[in-house]
């Protein structure tokens, strides 16, 4: 049986309001498919019928929208919890440096936002040349959301929008150098007046010692296709992709313990399991049994500050901890 729930608020005064569109939709479906009359049950009104060969129970909770769960839960009792298991994971077998796996760049006089680059998520690497003697205060106005700043691939520091950080000091260059700014889109603001102009990446002026930096190359890194990565057996430090193998006997739910990594993103085979960050509060990635297969399962993860200490294990329960602003790169 299928359970269809339409949300709304009870009472004649709410009957034609837009918040009651769920009630209206179920009423229309019940009429169209000849459902039984509505009756009181589960702290709401229910009726039954057939749609496309499936038996359907329609439910309109009468507990007000914000408390609909008290009606829905008894109508759809939760299944028995699955039993999680742990599986061994090999040490890192292969790796690939981000620096050696960059796509063709987009060139522009000024930095372009993710939206201007037609990219919804992931990272963008912004690159510009520095002349001998350049240095001082680097200002990234409107940097959204998290940036790692490099000079000649050496990490200078990080900037975090959450902490209102948009400036960092660069050493004076003894010779021509390359400035790289790796920006991650950690999410867009979707409320208040900010939603009207919200964009991601380097959205404002970029200056060094008060002077604008121009002639940028931008490398789009949506992280939606890893098939072209050139993995090797060599060790990798910095922004790197790593590959390991999980051996599964009987597939079952498990949790990948990410406390042995720093900040990045992980894939199980072709499935994007999600992002991780050592600051917490979530330190595990839920790995569902249907995505596992008996035998070897490939794990690939990207770590912004990877090194030889990166390691993964599995647990039979999630780990939640206290959130902190402390990070290895600061």
Protein backbone atom coordinates (compact mmCIF):
# COMPACT_ATOMS: atom_id res chain seq x y z
CA UNK A 1 0.00 0.00 0.00
CA UNK A 2 1.13 3.55 -0.76
CA UNK A 3 0.61 6.36 1.73
CA UNK A 4 -0.10 9.78 0.22
CA UNK A 5 -0.03 12.66 2.70
CA UNK A 6 -1.30 16.15 1.92
CA UNK A 7 -0.34 18.84 4.42
CA UNK A 8 -2.51 21.72 5.54
CA UNK A 9 -4.27 23.30 8.49
CA UNK A 10 -7.75 22.34 9.71
CA UNK A 11 -10.68 24.74 9.94
CA UNK A 12 -12.82 26.68 7.49
CA UNK A 13 -10.68 29.80 7.94
CA UNK A 14 -7.70 27.96 6.38
CA UNK A 15 -9.53 25.93 3.75
CA UNK A 16 -8.66 28.04 0.69
CA UNK A 17 -5.24 29.32 1.74
CA UNK A 18 -2.12 28.43 -0.24
CA UNK A 19 -0.74 26.50 2.75
CA UNK A 20 -3.58 24.03 2.27
CA UNK A 21 -2.61 23.04 -1.26
CA UNK A 22 -1.80 19.55 0.06
CA UNK A 23 -5.38 19.09 1.26
CA UNK A 24 -6.69 20.42 -2.06
CA UNK A 25 -4.48 18.07 -4.08
CA UNK A 26 -5.65 14.99 -2.16
CA UNK A 27 -9.28 16.05 -2.49
CA UNK A 28 -8.83 16.34 -6.27
CA UNK A 29 -7.06 12.98 -6.53
CA UNK A 30 -9.70 11.25 -4.40
CA UNK A 31 -12.47 12.61 -6.65
CA UNK A 32 -10.66 11.68 -9.87
CA UNK A 33 -9.96 8.08 -8.82
CA UNK A 34 -13.19 7.37 -6.95
CA UNK A 35 -11.74 6.91 -3.48
CA UNK A 36 -13.89 5.94 -0.50
CA UNK A 37 -15.48 8.73 1.58
CA UNK A 38 -13.21 10.54 4.02
CA UNK A 39 -13.30 9.25 7.60
CA UNK A 40 -11.52 10.09 10.87
CA UNK A 41 -8.35 8.14 11.66
CA UNK A 42 -4.73 8.76 12.71
CA UNK A 43 -5.63 12.22 14.08
CA UNK A 44 -6.65 13.16 10.58
CA UNK A 45 -8.94 12.25 7.70
CA UNK A 46 -8.27 9.23 5.47
CA UNK A 47 -9.74 7.61 2.39
CA UNK A 48 -8.65 4.73 0.19
CA UNK A 49 -8.57 3.80 -3.47
CA UNK A 50 -6.61 2.37 -6.37
CA UNK A 51 -4.21 4.33 -8.60
CA UNK A 52 -2.30 2.61 -11.39
CA UNK A 53 -2.90 -0.79 -9.86
CA UNK A 54 -1.60 0.27 -6.45
CA UNK A 55 -3.70 0.51 -3.31
CA UNK A 56 -3.39 4.03 -1.87
CA UNK A 57 -4.22 5.40 1.56
CA UNK A 58 -4.67 9.19 1.45
CA UNK A 59 -4.15 11.10 4.70
CA UNK A 60 -4.89 14.72 5.62
CA UNK A 61 -3.39 15.36 9.10
CA UNK A 62 -5.64 17.57 11.24
CA UNK A 63 -2.89 18.38 13.74
CA UNK A 64 -1.81 21.59 11.96
CA UNK A 65 1.05 21.58 9.51
CA UNK A 66 3.90 22.02 12.00
CA UNK A 67 2.76 18.98 13.96
CA UNK A 68 1.86 16.69 11.04
CA UNK A 69 4.27 14.00 12.23
CA UNK A 70 2.00 13.01 15.09
CA UNK A 71 -0.57 12.00 12.48
CA UNK A 72 1.76 10.54 9.86
CA UNK A 73 3.85 8.38 12.19
CA UNK A 74 1.10 5.96 13.29
CA UNK A 75 -0.11 5.74 9.69
CA UNK A 76 3.36 4.75 8.48
CA UNK A 77 5.20 2.98 11.32
CA UNK A 78 8.94 2.92 10.84
CA UNK A 79 10.45 -0.36 9.63
CA UNK A 80 12.77 -2.32 11.86
CA UNK A 81 16.17 -0.63 12.00
CA UNK A 82 18.83 -2.16 9.82
CA UNK A 83 21.84 -3.74 11.50
CA UNK A 84 25.06 -1.97 10.58
CA UNK A 85 28.39 -3.73 10.15
CA UNK A 86 32.05 -2.84 9.79
CA UNK A 87 34.36 -3.74 6.91
CA UNK A 88 38.12 -3.50 6.44
CA UNK A 89 39.54 -0.69 4.30
CA UNK A 90 42.96 -0.88 2.73
CA UNK A 91 45.60 1.81 3.15
CA UNK A 92 45.69 4.37 0.36
CA UNK A 93 46.75 2.54 -2.79
CA UNK A 94 46.92 5.32 -5.38
CA UNK A 95 46.70 9.09 -5.43
CA UNK A 96 46.55 12.04 -7.80
CA UNK A 97 47.49 15.67 -7.20
CA UNK A 98 44.90 18.28 -8.10
CA UNK A 99 47.70 20.34 -9.66
CA UNK A 100 48.35 17.57 -12.19
CA UNK A 101 44.68 17.04 -13.09
CA UNK A 102 43.40 20.49 -13.98
CA UNK A 103 41.04 20.99 -16.94
CA UNK A 104 41.48 23.63 -19.62
CA UNK A 105 41.06 27.09 -18.06
CA UNK A 106 38.64 29.90 -18.81
CA UNK A 107 40.41 33.26 -19.23
CA UNK A 108 39.02 36.63 -18.25
CA UNK A 109 40.30 40.03 -17.16
CA UNK A 110 38.58 39.71 -13.78
CA UNK A 111 37.59 36.64 -11.72
CA UNK A 112 34.25 35.09 -12.72
CA UNK A 113 31.71 33.68 -10.29
CA UNK A 114 30.54 30.08 -10.32
CA UNK A 115 27.32 31.27 -11.94
CA UNK A 116 29.20 33.10 -14.72
CA UNK A 117 31.18 29.91 -15.29
CA UNK A 118 27.90 27.94 -15.47
CA UNK A 119 28.92 25.81 -12.48
CA UNK A 120 26.53 24.97 -9.66
CA UNK A 121 28.76 23.27 -7.10
CA UNK A 122 32.26 21.98 -6.38
CA UNK A 123 35.38 24.13 -6.61
CA UNK A 124 36.96 26.71 -8.88
CA UNK A 125 40.71 27.29 -8.97
CA UNK A 126 41.48 30.95 -9.70
CA UNK A 127 45.02 31.61 -11.01
CA UNK A 128 46.86 34.87 -11.71
CA UNK A 129 50.53 35.78 -12.23
CA UNK A 130 52.50 37.78 -9.67
CA UNK A 131 55.45 39.95 -10.68
CA UNK A 132 58.72 40.13 -8.80
CA UNK A 133 58.30 42.31 -5.72
CA UNK A 134 54.51 41.94 -5.49
CA UNK A 135 53.04 41.07 -2.11
CA UNK A 136 51.18 42.55 0.83
CA UNK A 137 47.51 42.46 1.80
CA UNK A 138 45.40 40.27 -0.51
CA UNK A 139 41.72 41.24 -0.34
CA UNK A 140 38.98 38.97 -1.68
CA UNK A 141 35.77 40.96 -1.36
CA UNK A 142 32.69 38.77 -1.48
CA UNK A 143 34.60 35.48 -1.29
CA UNK A 144 31.99 32.71 -1.11
CA UNK A 145 32.48 30.35 0.67
CA UNK A 146 35.87 28.83 1.61
CA UNK A 147 39.27 29.51 0.03
CA UNK A 148 42.78 28.13 0.25
CA UNK A 149 45.44 30.58 -0.97
CA UNK A 150 48.67 29.31 -2.57
CA UNK A 151 51.79 30.93 -3.98
CA UNK A 152 53.68 28.58 -6.28
CA UNK A 153 51.57 25.72 -4.85
CA UNK A 154 52.63 26.51 -1.28
CA UNK A 155 49.67 27.00 1.04
CA UNK A 156 49.72 30.50 2.55
CA UNK A 157 46.45 30.23 4.48
CA UNK A 158 42.68 29.80 4.40
CA UNK A 159 39.73 32.18 4.35
CA UNK A 160 36.25 31.26 5.61
CA UNK A 161 33.09 33.21 4.88
CA UNK A 162 31.47 31.92 8.09
CA UNK A 163 34.19 33.70 10.06
CA UNK A 164 33.97 36.92 7.99
CA UNK A 165 37.46 36.37 6.60
CA UNK A 166 38.36 37.97 3.26
CA UNK A 167 41.96 39.20 3.65
CA UNK A 168 45.35 37.53 3.96
CA UNK A 169 48.97 38.75 3.78
CA UNK A 170 51.24 37.48 1.00
CA UNK A 171 55.03 37.63 1.25
CA UNK A 172 56.87 39.86 -1.22
CA UNK A 173 57.97 37.77 -4.17
CA UNK A 174 61.68 37.49 -4.88
CA UNK A 175 60.88 36.33 -8.42
CA UNK A 176 57.79 36.02 -10.66
CA UNK A 177 55.27 33.66 -9.04
CA UNK A 178 51.81 32.14 -9.46
CA UNK A 179 48.94 32.94 -7.12
CA UNK A 180 46.28 30.21 -6.86
CA UNK A 181 43.03 30.62 -4.94
CA UNK A 182 41.05 27.38 -4.59
CA UNK A 183 37.45 28.31 -3.73
CA UNK A 184 34.86 25.81 -2.52
CA UNK A 185 31.12 26.39 -2.77
CA UNK A 186 29.93 25.12 0.60
CA UNK A 187 26.37 26.34 0.00
CA UNK A 188 24.43 29.45 -0.96
CA UNK A 189 22.39 31.68 1.38
CA UNK A 190 18.72 30.90 0.64
CA UNK A 191 16.89 33.32 2.92
CA UNK A 192 16.51 37.07 3.66
CA UNK A 193 17.41 39.84 1.23
CA UNK A 194 20.77 38.15 0.52
CA UNK A 195 19.06 35.54 -1.68
CA UNK A 196 18.45 38.19 -4.35
CA UNK A 197 22.14 38.64 -5.17
CA UNK A 198 23.70 35.48 -3.73
CA UNK A 199 26.51 34.07 -5.87
CA UNK A 200 29.49 31.82 -5.24
CA UNK A 201 33.23 32.08 -5.86
CA UNK A 202 35.16 35.34 -6.08
CA UNK A 203 32.16 37.64 -6.41
CA UNK A 204 33.82 41.01 -5.72
CA UNK A 205 37.02 42.93 -6.27
CA UNK A 206 40.35 41.13 -5.80
CA UNK A 207 43.20 43.46 -4.87
CA UNK A 208 46.79 43.09 -3.73
CA UNK A 209 48.13 46.05 -1.75
CA UNK A 210 45.11 47.99 -2.95
CA UNK A 211 45.76 47.32 -6.64
CA UNK A 212 43.43 45.11 -8.72
CA UNK A 213 44.79 41.83 -10.03
CA UNK A 214 43.89 41.14 -13.66
CA UNK A 215 44.23 38.51 -16.40
CA UNK A 216 42.85 35.47 -14.58
CA UNK A 217 42.65 31.82 -15.52
CA UNK A 218 39.83 29.84 -13.93
CA UNK A 219 39.71 26.06 -13.72
CA UNK A 220 36.21 24.59 -13.30
CA UNK A 221 36.13 21.69 -10.83
CA UNK A 222 32.51 20.55 -10.31
CA UNK A 223 33.73 17.16 -9.06
CA UNK A 224 31.04 15.32 -11.02
CA UNK A 225 33.31 13.09 -13.13
CA UNK A 226 36.47 11.42 -11.82
CA UNK A 227 37.03 9.18 -14.84
CA UNK A 228 39.93 11.24 -16.20
CA UNK A 229 41.97 11.29 -12.99
CA UNK A 230 45.54 10.10 -13.50
CA UNK A 231 46.18 8.03 -10.38
CA UNK A 232 49.68 6.79 -9.54
CA UNK A 233 51.37 4.95 -6.72
CA UNK A 234 53.36 8.03 -5.71
CA UNK A 235 52.68 9.77 -2.39
CA UNK A 236 50.67 12.99 -2.58
CA UNK A 237 50.50 16.00 -0.25
CA UNK A 238 48.18 19.00 -0.47
CA UNK A 239 44.95 19.04 -2.49
CA UNK A 240 44.90 15.39 -3.58
CA UNK A 241 42.62 12.58 -4.66
CA UNK A 242 43.15 9.24 -2.91
CA UNK A 243 41.96 5.73 -3.70
CA UNK A 244 41.41 2.88 -1.26
CA UNK A 245 39.46 -0.37 -1.26
CA UNK A 246 36.80 -1.65 1.13
CA UNK A 247 36.28 -5.41 1.27
CA UNK A 248 32.67 -6.45 1.91
CA UNK A 249 31.46 -9.91 2.87
CA UNK A 250 27.70 -9.55 3.16
CA UNK A 251 26.54 -6.03 2.21
CA UNK A 252 25.13 -4.07 5.15
CA UNK A 253 24.83 -0.46 6.20
CA UNK A 254 28.06 1.00 7.54
CA UNK A 255 29.58 4.36 8.46
CA UNK A 256 32.84 5.66 7.04
CA UNK A 257 34.90 7.21 9.83
CA UNK A 258 36.39 10.42 8.36
CA UNK A 259 38.41 11.43 11.40
CA UNK A 260 41.50 10.19 9.59
CA UNK A 261 41.05 12.83 6.86
CA UNK A 262 40.78 16.63 6.82
CA UNK A 263 38.33 18.40 4.49
CA UNK A 264 36.91 17.26 1.20
CA UNK A 265 34.53 14.95 -0.60
CA UNK A 266 34.15 11.16 -0.97
CA UNK A 267 32.81 8.75 -3.58
CA UNK A 268 31.93 5.06 -3.22
CA UNK A 269 32.34 3.68 -6.72
CA UNK A 270 30.35 6.16 -8.82
CA UNK A 271 28.20 7.33 -5.90
CA UNK A 272 28.93 10.69 -4.27
CA UNK A 273 28.59 9.94 -0.56
CA UNK A 274 29.09 13.54 0.56
CA UNK A 275 31.52 16.00 2.05
CA UNK A 276 33.54 15.79 5.26
CA UNK A 277 35.36 18.28 7.48
CA UNK A 278 37.41 17.63 10.57
CA UNK A 279 35.74 20.47 12.50
CA UNK A 280 32.60 18.32 12.90
CA UNK A 281 30.06 17.92 14.28
CA UNK A 282 29.45 14.96 11.91
CA UNK A 283 32.51 12.73 11.61
CA UNK A 284 31.04 9.80 9.67
CA UNK A 285 29.47 9.28 6.25
CA UNK A 286 26.48 6.95 6.12
CA UNK A 287 27.08 4.21 3.54
CA UNK A 288 23.89 2.32 2.59
CA UNK A 289 23.96 -1.43 1.98
CA UNK A 290 22.37 -1.20 -1.51
CA UNK A 291 25.41 0.76 -2.71
CA UNK A 292 27.80 -1.97 -1.57
CA UNK A 293 28.65 -5.15 -3.42
CA UNK A 294 30.21 -8.33 -2.17
CA UNK A 295 33.98 -8.20 -2.58
CA UNK A 296 36.07 -5.14 -3.43
CA UNK A 297 34.46 -1.67 -3.34
CA UNK A 298 36.48 1.29 -4.62
CA UNK A 299 36.59 4.43 -2.46
CA UNK A 300 37.89 7.71 -3.88
CA UNK A 301 38.16 10.86 -1.80
CA UNK A 302 39.45 14.37 -2.30
CA UNK A 303 41.26 16.00 0.62
CA UNK A 304 42.18 19.70 0.51
CA UNK A 305 45.09 19.17 2.88
CA UNK A 306 45.90 15.53 2.31
CA UNK A 307 49.10 13.86 3.46
CA UNK A 308 50.55 10.47 4.30
CA UNK A 309 48.49 10.26 7.50
CA UNK A 310 45.14 10.06 5.66
CA UNK A 311 43.29 6.84 6.49
CA UNK A 312 39.74 5.51 6.57
CA UNK A 313 37.94 2.98 8.75
CA UNK A 314 34.32 1.88 9.16
CA UNK A 315 32.04 1.95 12.20
CA UNK A 316 28.69 0.39 13.06
CA UNK A 317 27.28 3.69 14.36
CA UNK A 318 27.62 7.39 13.48
CA UNK A 319 29.95 9.69 15.39
CA UNK A 320 28.85 13.18 16.35
CA UNK A 321 31.11 15.62 18.13
CA UNK A 322 31.38 19.21 19.22
CA UNK A 323 31.73 21.69 16.40
CA UNK A 324 34.85 23.83 16.42
CA UNK A 325 36.38 26.52 14.22
CA UNK A 326 39.83 25.01 14.61
CA UNK A 327 41.38 23.56 11.45
CA UNK A 328 44.71 22.04 10.61
CA UNK A 329 45.57 24.78 8.11
CA UNK A 330 45.19 27.62 10.64
